[in-house]
Amino acid sequence: MRTVALLLLAWSSMLPAGALSQTRNPSSESLKWLSGCWARESGRLTTEESWTEPRGGILLGLARTTRGDSLVDFEFSRIAETDSGLVFFANPSGQAPASFRAARLDSHRVIFENLNHDFPQRVIYQRITRDSLSARVEGTVDGILRKVDFLYRRVPCPGE
């Protein structure tokens, strides 16, 4: 057993600096599929969400919901590389800012969690196809799991 431990220690010392931490803390580049402009219509409501390309360890996001020409809701967001991994920071209109740490991430889905937040406790983005995206906010309210789904389609960004 001691030989195995020594071999593992020797092997890990030969890895490039930061290789182990890179495995634990994914890069914002892994969310490149989220970048672009997205929209959905639901009755008279239109929701638009856009994300910048990852650069400098961060993606910047903006969302707004309108009814005709009237603003219903908006949110400024960012997903940033931190010492504890990728973190989603949300600044919704009229509410206190909140942060959610990436709990799970693969090539087409990311789940951000903050189990201490009132609602939501999870923010989930999933790429369905290159041109469709699902976003979900979910959490427990009074012991009942609540979830709100948003199905977006890719749209041209302003100026394109």
N, C-alpha and C. Protein backbone atom coordinates (compact mmCIF):
# COMPACT_ATOMS: atom_id res chain seq x y z
N MET A 1 0.83 -1.19 0.00
CA MET A 1 0.00 0.00 0.00
C MET A 1 0.87 1.25 0.00
N ARG A 2 1.96 1.21 0.79
CA ARG A 2 2.84 2.36 0.85
C ARG A 2 3.48 2.62 -0.51
N THR A 3 3.79 1.55 -1.25
CA THR A 3 4.39 1.68 -2.58
C THR A 3 3.42 2.38 -3.53
N VAL A 4 2.15 2.01 -3.47
CA VAL A 4 1.14 2.63 -4.33
C VAL A 4 1.03 4.12 -4.01
N ALA A 5 1.01 4.46 -2.73
CA ALA A 5 0.92 5.87 -2.34
C ALA A 5 2.12 6.66 -2.83
N LEU A 6 3.31 6.08 -2.72
CA LEU A 6 4.52 6.76 -3.19
C LEU A 6 4.50 6.94 -4.71
N LEU A 7 4.02 5.91 -5.42
CA LEU A 7 3.93 6.02 -6.88
C LEU A 7 2.95 7.12 -7.28
N LEU A 8 1.80 7.19 -6.60
CA LEU A 8 0.83 8.25 -6.90
C LEU A 8 1.41 9.63 -6.62
N LEU A 9 2.12 9.76 -5.51
CA LEU A 9 2.74 11.03 -5.18
C LEU A 9 3.76 11.43 -6.23
N ALA A 10 4.58 10.48 -6.65
CA ALA A 10 5.60 10.76 -7.67
C ALA A 10 4.94 11.13 -8.99
N TRP A 11 3.88 10.41 -9.37
CA TRP A 11 3.18 10.68 -10.63
C TRP A 11 2.57 12.08 -10.60
N SER A 12 1.92 12.44 -9.48
CA SER A 12 1.27 13.75 -9.42
C SER A 12 2.28 14.89 -9.45
N SER A 13 3.50 14.66 -8.97
CA SER A 13 4.50 15.72 -9.00
C SER A 13 5.02 15.98 -10.40
N MET A 14 4.78 15.05 -11.33
CA MET A 14 5.23 15.22 -12.71
C MET A 14 4.19 15.95 -13.56
N LEU A 15 2.99 16.13 -13.03
CA LEU A 15 1.95 16.82 -13.79
C LEU A 15 2.29 18.30 -13.91
N PRO A 16 1.86 18.94 -15.01
CA PRO A 16 2.08 20.38 -15.12
C PRO A 16 1.38 21.10 -13.97
N ALA A 17 1.95 22.21 -13.56
CA ALA A 17 1.34 23.00 -12.47
C ALA A 17 -0.08 23.36 -12.84
N GLY A 18 -1.01 23.17 -11.93
CA GLY A 18 -2.41 23.53 -12.16
C GLY A 18 -3.23 22.44 -12.82
N ALA A 19 -2.62 21.34 -13.24
CA ALA A 19 -3.39 20.31 -13.95
C ALA A 19 -4.47 19.71 -13.07
N LEU A 20 -4.17 19.47 -11.80
CA LEU A 20 -5.17 18.90 -10.91
C LEU A 20 -6.29 19.88 -10.64
N SER A 21 -5.98 21.15 -10.42
CA SER A 21 -7.03 22.12 -10.14
C SER A 21 -7.90 22.37 -11.37
N GLN A 22 -7.32 22.25 -12.56
CA GLN A 22 -8.12 22.43 -13.77
C GLN A 22 -9.19 21.36 -13.87
N THR A 23 -8.90 20.16 -13.39
CA THR A 23 -9.89 19.10 -13.45
C THR A 23 -11.05 19.42 -12.51
N ARG A 24 -10.74 20.00 -11.36
CA ARG A 24 -11.78 20.32 -10.38
C ARG A 24 -12.54 21.59 -10.75
N ASN A 25 -11.88 22.56 -11.34
CA ASN A 25 -12.50 23.84 -11.66
C ASN A 25 -12.54 24.05 -13.17
N PRO A 26 -13.66 23.71 -13.79
CA PRO A 26 -13.75 23.86 -15.25
C PRO A 26 -13.67 25.32 -15.69
N SER A 27 -13.24 25.50 -16.90
CA SER A 27 -13.10 26.82 -17.50
C SER A 27 -14.45 27.33 -17.98
N SER A 28 -14.58 28.64 -18.03
CA SER A 28 -15.79 29.24 -18.60
C SER A 28 -15.95 28.85 -20.07
N GLU A 29 -14.85 28.47 -20.72
CA GLU A 29 -14.91 28.02 -22.12
C GLU A 29 -15.83 26.82 -22.29
N SER A 30 -16.00 26.02 -21.24
CA SER A 30 -16.86 24.85 -21.33
C SER A 30 -18.33 25.24 -21.50
N LEU A 31 -18.65 26.52 -21.33
CA LEU A 31 -20.03 27.00 -21.52
C LEU A 31 -20.19 27.84 -22.77
N LYS A 32 -19.27 27.70 -23.70
CA LYS A 32 -19.33 28.48 -24.94
C LYS A 32 -20.66 28.28 -25.67
N TRP A 33 -21.24 27.09 -25.55
CA TRP A 33 -22.52 26.78 -26.20
C TRP A 33 -23.66 27.68 -25.72
N LEU A 34 -23.49 28.32 -24.56
CA LEU A 34 -24.54 29.20 -24.02
C LEU A 34 -24.53 30.57 -24.68
N SER A 35 -23.38 30.97 -25.24
CA SER A 35 -23.26 32.33 -25.78
C SER A 35 -24.16 32.53 -26.99
N GLY A 36 -24.62 33.77 -27.13
CA GLY A 36 -25.51 34.13 -28.23
C GLY A 36 -26.80 34.72 -27.69
N CYS A 37 -27.76 34.88 -28.59
CA CYS A 37 -29.05 35.49 -28.24
C CYS A 37 -30.16 34.46 -28.35
N TRP A 38 -31.03 34.47 -27.36
CA TRP A 38 -32.09 33.49 -27.22
C TRP A 38 -33.41 34.22 -26.95
N ALA A 39 -34.53 33.64 -27.40
CA ALA A 39 -35.83 34.27 -27.17
C ALA A 39 -36.91 33.20 -27.03
N ARG A 40 -37.98 33.61 -26.37
CA ARG A 40 -39.16 32.76 -26.25
C ARG A 40 -40.39 33.64 -26.12
N GLU A 41 -41.51 33.14 -26.63
CA GLU A 41 -42.79 33.83 -26.49
C GLU A 41 -43.72 32.92 -25.71
N SER A 42 -44.48 33.52 -24.82
CA SER A 42 -45.48 32.78 -24.05
C SER A 42 -46.67 33.71 -23.87
N GLY A 43 -47.71 33.45 -24.67
CA GLY A 43 -48.85 34.37 -24.66
C GLY A 43 -48.40 35.72 -25.16
N ARG A 44 -48.65 36.77 -24.37
CA ARG A 44 -48.25 38.13 -24.77
C ARG A 44 -46.87 38.50 -24.25
N LEU A 45 -46.21 37.57 -23.54
CA LEU A 45 -44.89 37.85 -22.98
C LEU A 45 -43.78 37.40 -23.93
N THR A 46 -42.75 38.21 -24.04
CA THR A 46 -41.55 37.85 -24.79
C THR A 46 -40.37 37.94 -23.84
N THR A 47 -39.59 36.88 -23.79
CA THR A 47 -38.38 36.88 -22.97
C THR A 47 -37.18 36.74 -23.88
N GLU A 48 -36.22 37.62 -23.70
CA GLU A 48 -34.97 37.59 -24.46
C GLU A 48 -33.83 37.41 -23.46
N GLU A 49 -32.88 36.55 -23.81
CA GLU A 49 -31.72 36.34 -22.96
C GLU A 49 -30.50 36.27 -23.87
N SER A 50 -29.45 36.96 -23.51
CA SER A 50 -28.23 36.91 -24.33
C SER A 50 -27.02 36.74 -23.42
N TRP A 51 -26.02 36.02 -23.97
CA TRP A 51 -24.78 35.74 -23.26
C TRP A 51 -23.60 36.05 -24.16
N THR A 52 -22.58 36.69 -23.61
CA THR A 52 -21.36 36.96 -24.37
C THR A 52 -20.56 35.66 -24.51
N GLU A 53 -19.61 35.70 -25.44
CA GLU A 53 -18.64 34.61 -25.54
C GLU A 53 -17.80 34.60 -24.26
N PRO A 54 -17.38 33.43 -23.80
CA PRO A 54 -16.49 33.43 -22.64
C PRO A 54 -15.15 34.07 -22.99
N ARG A 55 -14.71 34.98 -22.16
CA ARG A 55 -13.41 35.63 -22.35
C ARG A 55 -12.98 36.19 -21.00
N GLY A 56 -11.72 36.03 -20.68
CA GLY A 56 -11.22 36.54 -19.41
C GLY A 56 -11.81 35.82 -18.21
N GLY A 57 -12.26 34.58 -18.42
CA GLY A 57 -12.81 33.80 -17.32
C GLY A 57 -14.23 34.15 -16.94
N ILE A 58 -14.97 34.80 -17.86
CA ILE A 58 -16.32 35.25 -17.51
C ILE A 58 -17.23 35.27 -18.74
N LEU A 59 -18.51 34.98 -18.53
CA LEU A 59 -19.57 35.23 -19.51
C LEU A 59 -20.50 36.26 -18.87
N LEU A 60 -20.96 37.22 -19.65
CA LEU A 60 -21.90 38.22 -19.15
C LEU A 60 -23.26 37.96 -19.77
N GLY A 61 -24.31 38.07 -18.96
CA GLY A 61 -25.65 37.79 -19.44
C GLY A 61 -26.62 38.91 -19.13
N LEU A 62 -27.65 38.99 -19.96
CA LEU A 62 -28.70 39.99 -19.81
C LEU A 62 -30.01 39.35 -20.24
N ALA A 63 -31.05 39.53 -19.45
CA ALA A 63 -32.36 39.00 -19.82
C ALA A 63 -33.42 40.06 -19.54
N ARG A 64 -34.45 40.05 -20.37
CA ARG A 64 -35.60 40.93 -20.10
C ARG A 64 -36.86 40.25 -20.60
N THR A 65 -37.94 40.53 -19.90
CA THR A 65 -39.26 40.05 -20.29
C THR A 65 -40.13 41.27 -20.51
N THR A 66 -40.82 41.28 -21.64
CA THR A 66 -41.70 42.41 -21.98
C THR A 66 -43.09 41.90 -22.34
N ARG A 67 -44.05 42.78 -22.15
CA ARG A 67 -45.42 42.56 -22.63
C ARG A 67 -45.69 43.72 -23.56
N GLY A 68 -45.65 43.46 -24.87
CA GLY A 68 -45.72 44.56 -25.83
C GLY A 68 -44.50 45.44 -25.65
N ASP A 69 -44.73 46.74 -25.42
CA ASP A 69 -43.63 47.68 -25.20
C ASP A 69 -43.34 47.92 -23.72
N SER A 70 -43.98 47.17 -22.84
CA SER A 70 -43.81 47.39 -21.39
C SER A 70 -42.85 46.36 -20.79
N LEU A 71 -41.92 46.86 -19.99
CA LEU A 71 -40.97 45.99 -19.30
C LEU A 71 -41.67 45.30 -18.13
N VAL A 72 -41.52 43.98 -18.06
CA VAL A 72 -42.09 43.20 -16.97
C VAL A 72 -41.00 42.84 -15.96
N ASP A 73 -39.83 42.47 -16.46
CA ASP A 73 -38.76 41.98 -15.60
C ASP A 73 -37.43 42.07 -16.34
N PHE A 74 -36.33 42.16 -15.60
CA PHE A 74 -35.01 42.10 -16.22
C PHE A 74 -34.02 41.50 -15.23
N GLU A 75 -32.87 41.04 -15.77
CA GLU A 75 -31.83 40.46 -14.92
C GLU A 75 -30.47 40.64 -15.58
N PHE A 76 -29.50 41.05 -14.77
CA PHE A 76 -28.10 41.07 -15.19
C PHE A 76 -27.44 39.86 -14.55
N SER A 77 -26.63 39.13 -15.32
CA SER A 77 -26.00 37.91 -14.81
C SER A 77 -24.56 37.83 -15.26
N ARG A 78 -23.82 36.99 -14.57
CA ARG A 78 -22.47 36.65 -15.03
C ARG A 78 -22.15 35.26 -14.53
N ILE A 79 -21.35 34.57 -15.31
CA ILE A 79 -20.81 33.27 -14.91
C ILE A 79 -19.31 33.45 -14.91
N ALA A 80 -18.70 33.26 -13.75
CA ALA A 80 -17.28 33.56 -13.61
C ALA A 80 -16.51 32.38 -13.03
N GLU A 81 -15.25 32.27 -13.47
CA GLU A 81 -14.33 31.31 -12.87
C GLU A 81 -13.88 31.87 -11.53
N THR A 82 -14.02 31.08 -10.48
CA THR A 82 -13.58 31.49 -9.15
C THR A 82 -12.73 30.36 -8.56
N ASP A 83 -12.16 30.60 -7.40
CA ASP A 83 -11.37 29.56 -6.73
C ASP A 83 -12.21 28.34 -6.39
N SER A 84 -13.53 28.52 -6.24
CA SER A 84 -14.40 27.39 -5.91
C SER A 84 -15.10 26.82 -7.15
N GLY A 85 -14.67 27.21 -8.34
CA GLY A 85 -15.26 26.70 -9.57
C GLY A 85 -16.07 27.77 -10.28
N LEU A 86 -16.90 27.35 -11.23
CA LEU A 86 -17.75 28.29 -11.95
C LEU A 86 -18.91 28.72 -11.05
N VAL A 87 -19.17 30.02 -11.04
CA VAL A 87 -20.25 30.55 -10.21
C VAL A 87 -21.14 31.45 -11.07
N PHE A 88 -22.45 31.22 -10.95
CA PHE A 88 -23.47 32.02 -11.62
C PHE A 88 -23.91 33.10 -10.64
N PHE A 89 -23.74 34.36 -11.02
CA PHE A 89 -24.16 35.50 -10.20
C PHE A 89 -25.38 36.12 -10.88
N ALA A 90 -26.50 36.20 -10.18
CA ALA A 90 -27.74 36.74 -10.73
C ALA A 90 -28.11 38.02 -10.00
N ASN A 91 -28.47 39.05 -10.76
CA ASN A 91 -28.96 40.32 -10.21
C ASN A 91 -30.32 40.60 -10.83
N PRO A 92 -31.37 39.96 -10.30
CA PRO A 92 -32.71 40.17 -10.86
C PRO A 92 -33.30 41.50 -10.42
N SER A 93 -34.16 42.06 -11.27
CA SER A 93 -34.78 43.35 -10.95
C SER A 93 -35.56 43.27 -9.65
N GLY A 94 -35.30 44.25 -8.78
CA GLY A 94 -36.07 44.34 -7.55
C GLY A 94 -35.74 43.31 -6.49
N GLN A 95 -34.70 42.50 -6.67
CA GLN A 95 -34.35 41.48 -5.69
C GLN A 95 -32.87 41.58 -5.33
N ALA A 96 -32.52 40.98 -4.22
CA ALA A 96 -31.12 40.96 -3.81
C ALA A 96 -30.32 40.05 -4.75
N PRO A 97 -29.06 40.39 -5.03
CA PRO A 97 -28.22 39.52 -5.85
C PRO A 97 -28.04 38.16 -5.18
N ALA A 98 -27.82 37.14 -6.00
CA ALA A 98 -27.61 35.78 -5.49
C ALA A 98 -26.52 35.10 -6.31
N SER A 99 -25.84 34.14 -5.68
CA SER A 99 -24.82 33.38 -6.40
C SER A 99 -25.11 31.89 -6.27
N PHE A 100 -24.75 31.16 -7.33
CA PHE A 100 -25.00 29.72 -7.41
C PHE A 100 -23.75 29.06 -7.97
N ARG A 101 -23.22 28.08 -7.28
CA ARG A 101 -22.00 27.39 -7.70
C ARG A 101 -22.34 26.23 -8.63
N ALA A 102 -21.52 26.01 -9.66
CA ALA A 102 -21.74 24.90 -10.59
C ALA A 102 -21.56 23.58 -9.84
N ALA A 103 -22.64 22.82 -9.73
CA ALA A 103 -22.61 21.53 -9.04
C ALA A 103 -22.36 20.40 -10.02
N ARG A 104 -22.86 20.55 -11.24
CA ARG A 104 -22.66 19.53 -12.29
C ARG A 104 -22.50 20.23 -13.62
N LEU A 105 -21.63 19.67 -14.44
CA LEU A 105 -21.35 20.26 -15.74
C LEU A 105 -20.93 19.17 -16.70
N ASP A 106 -21.55 19.16 -17.88
CA ASP A 106 -21.08 18.28 -18.95
C ASP A 106 -21.13 19.07 -20.25
N SER A 107 -21.01 18.40 -21.37
CA SER A 107 -20.88 19.10 -22.66
C SER A 107 -22.15 19.83 -23.10
N HIS A 108 -23.29 19.55 -22.48
CA HIS A 108 -24.54 20.18 -22.91
C HIS A 108 -25.43 20.66 -21.76
N ARG A 109 -24.94 20.56 -20.50
CA ARG A 109 -25.79 20.97 -19.38
C ARG A 109 -24.93 21.45 -18.21
N VAL A 110 -25.45 22.45 -17.53
CA VAL A 110 -24.81 22.92 -16.30
C VAL A 110 -25.90 23.14 -15.25
N ILE A 111 -25.62 22.70 -14.04
CA ILE A 111 -26.53 22.88 -12.92
C ILE A 111 -25.81 23.72 -11.87
N PHE A 112 -26.34 24.90 -11.61
CA PHE A 112 -25.81 25.78 -10.57
C PHE A 112 -26.70 25.62 -9.34
N GLU A 113 -26.08 25.57 -8.15
CA GLU A 113 -26.85 25.37 -6.92
C GLU A 113 -26.45 26.35 -5.82
N ASN A 114 -27.47 26.73 -5.05
CA ASN A 114 -27.28 27.45 -3.79
C ASN A 114 -28.43 26.99 -2.90
N LEU A 115 -28.18 25.95 -2.12
CA LEU A 115 -29.24 25.35 -1.32
C LEU A 115 -29.69 26.26 -0.17
N ASN A 116 -28.94 27.33 0.09
CA ASN A 116 -29.32 28.27 1.15
C ASN A 116 -30.17 29.42 0.63
N HIS A 117 -30.39 29.49 -0.67
CA HIS A 117 -31.19 30.56 -1.27
C HIS A 117 -32.67 30.20 -1.15
N ASP A 118 -33.54 31.22 -1.00
CA ASP A 118 -34.96 30.93 -0.83
C ASP A 118 -35.55 30.28 -2.08
N PHE A 119 -35.55 30.96 -3.19
CA PHE A 119 -35.97 30.40 -4.48
C PHE A 119 -35.37 31.24 -5.57
N PRO A 120 -34.81 30.60 -6.56
CA PRO A 120 -34.60 29.16 -6.71
C PRO A 120 -33.36 28.70 -5.95
N GLN A 121 -33.24 27.40 -5.78
CA GLN A 121 -32.01 26.83 -5.25
C GLN A 121 -31.12 26.29 -6.37
N ARG A 122 -31.72 26.06 -7.53
CA ARG A 122 -30.96 25.57 -8.68
C ARG A 122 -31.33 26.36 -9.93
N VAL A 123 -30.31 26.64 -10.74
CA VAL A 123 -30.48 27.24 -12.06
C VAL A 123 -29.82 26.28 -13.04
N ILE A 124 -30.59 25.82 -14.01
CA ILE A 124 -30.12 24.77 -14.92
C ILE A 124 -30.23 25.26 -16.36
N TYR A 125 -29.12 25.18 -17.10
CA TYR A 125 -29.12 25.46 -18.53
C TYR A 125 -28.78 24.17 -19.25
N GLN A 126 -29.54 23.87 -20.30
CA GLN A 126 -29.27 22.67 -21.09
C GLN A 126 -29.42 22.99 -22.57
N ARG A 127 -28.37 22.67 -23.32
CA ARG A 127 -28.44 22.82 -24.78
C ARG A 127 -29.20 21.62 -25.32
N ILE A 128 -30.27 21.88 -26.06
CA ILE A 128 -31.05 20.81 -26.65
C ILE A 128 -30.51 20.52 -28.05
N THR A 129 -30.43 21.56 -28.86
CA THR A 129 -29.76 21.50 -30.16
C THR A 129 -28.91 22.75 -30.26
N ARG A 130 -28.21 22.91 -31.37
CA ARG A 130 -27.40 24.12 -31.54
C ARG A 130 -28.26 25.38 -31.44
N ASP A 131 -29.53 25.28 -31.85
CA ASP A 131 -30.40 26.45 -31.90
C ASP A 131 -31.55 26.42 -30.89
N SER A 132 -31.48 25.55 -29.89
CA SER A 132 -32.51 25.56 -28.84
C SER A 132 -31.87 25.29 -27.48
N LEU A 133 -32.43 25.94 -26.49
CA LEU A 133 -31.85 25.94 -25.15
C LEU A 133 -32.98 25.88 -24.13
N SER A 134 -32.77 25.09 -23.11
CA SER A 134 -33.72 25.02 -22.01
C SER A 134 -33.08 25.65 -20.78
N ALA A 135 -33.84 26.48 -20.10
CA ALA A 135 -33.40 27.04 -18.82
C ALA A 135 -34.46 26.69 -17.79
N ARG A 136 -34.02 26.31 -16.61
CA ARG A 136 -34.96 25.96 -15.55
C ARG A 136 -34.47 26.57 -14.24
N VAL A 137 -35.40 27.12 -13.48
CA VAL A 137 -35.12 27.49 -12.10
C VAL A 137 -36.01 26.59 -11.25
N GLU A 138 -35.43 26.05 -10.18
CA GLU A 138 -36.21 25.15 -9.34
C GLU A 138 -35.72 25.23 -7.90
N GLY A 139 -36.60 24.80 -7.02
CA GLY A 139 -36.26 24.76 -5.61
C GLY A 139 -37.47 24.38 -4.80
N THR A 140 -37.24 24.18 -3.53
CA THR A 140 -38.30 23.77 -2.61
C THR A 140 -38.87 25.00 -1.90
N VAL A 141 -40.18 25.11 -1.97
CA VAL A 141 -40.90 26.18 -1.28
C VAL A 141 -41.96 25.51 -0.41
N ASP A 142 -41.90 25.74 0.89
CA ASP A 142 -42.83 25.12 1.84
C ASP A 142 -42.88 23.60 1.66
N GLY A 143 -41.71 23.00 1.43
CA GLY A 143 -41.62 21.54 1.31
C GLY A 143 -42.05 20.98 -0.03
N ILE A 144 -42.39 21.84 -0.98
CA ILE A 144 -42.85 21.39 -2.30
C ILE A 144 -41.85 21.84 -3.36
N LEU A 145 -41.44 20.91 -4.23
CA LEU A 145 -40.52 21.25 -5.32
C LEU A 145 -41.27 22.08 -6.35
N ARG A 146 -40.76 23.26 -6.61
CA ARG A 146 -41.32 24.17 -7.63
C ARG A 146 -40.29 24.30 -8.74
N LYS A 147 -40.78 24.37 -9.97
CA LYS A 147 -39.86 24.56 -11.10
C LYS A 147 -40.53 25.40 -12.17
N VAL A 148 -39.71 26.21 -12.82
CA VAL A 148 -40.18 27.04 -13.92
C VAL A 148 -39.24 26.79 -15.09
N ASP A 149 -39.82 26.38 -16.22
CA ASP A 149 -39.04 26.06 -17.41
C ASP A 149 -39.18 27.15 -18.46
N PHE A 150 -38.08 27.40 -19.14
CA PHE A 150 -38.04 28.35 -20.25
C PHE A 150 -37.40 27.63 -21.43
N LEU A 151 -38.11 27.53 -22.54
CA LEU A 151 -37.56 26.92 -23.75
C LEU A 151 -37.27 28.04 -24.75
N TYR A 152 -35.99 28.22 -25.05
CA TYR A 152 -35.55 29.30 -25.92
C TYR A 152 -35.15 28.78 -27.29
N ARG A 153 -35.27 29.66 -28.28
CA ARG A 153 -34.72 29.39 -29.61
C ARG A 153 -33.67 30.45 -29.89
N ARG A 154 -32.65 30.06 -30.63
CA ARG A 154 -31.59 31.02 -30.98
C ARG A 154 -32.16 32.04 -31.95
N VAL A 155 -31.83 33.30 -31.72
CA VAL A 155 -32.26 34.40 -32.60
C VAL A 155 -31.03 35.24 -32.94
N PRO A 156 -31.09 36.01 -34.03
CA PRO A 156 -29.96 36.90 -34.33
C PRO A 156 -29.79 37.92 -33.21
N CYS A 157 -28.56 38.19 -32.86
CA CYS A 157 -28.28 39.24 -31.88
C CYS A 157 -28.46 40.60 -32.54
N PRO A 158 -28.82 41.63 -31.79
CA PRO A 158 -28.96 42.97 -32.38
C PRO A 158 -27.71 43.36 -33.16
N GLY A 159 -27.92 43.91 -34.34
CA GLY A 159 -26.81 44.33 -35.18
C GLY A 159 -26.30 43.25 -36.11
N GLU A 160 -26.83 42.03 -36.00
CA GLU A 160 -26.38 40.95 -36.90
C GLU A 160 -27.14 41.01 -38.20
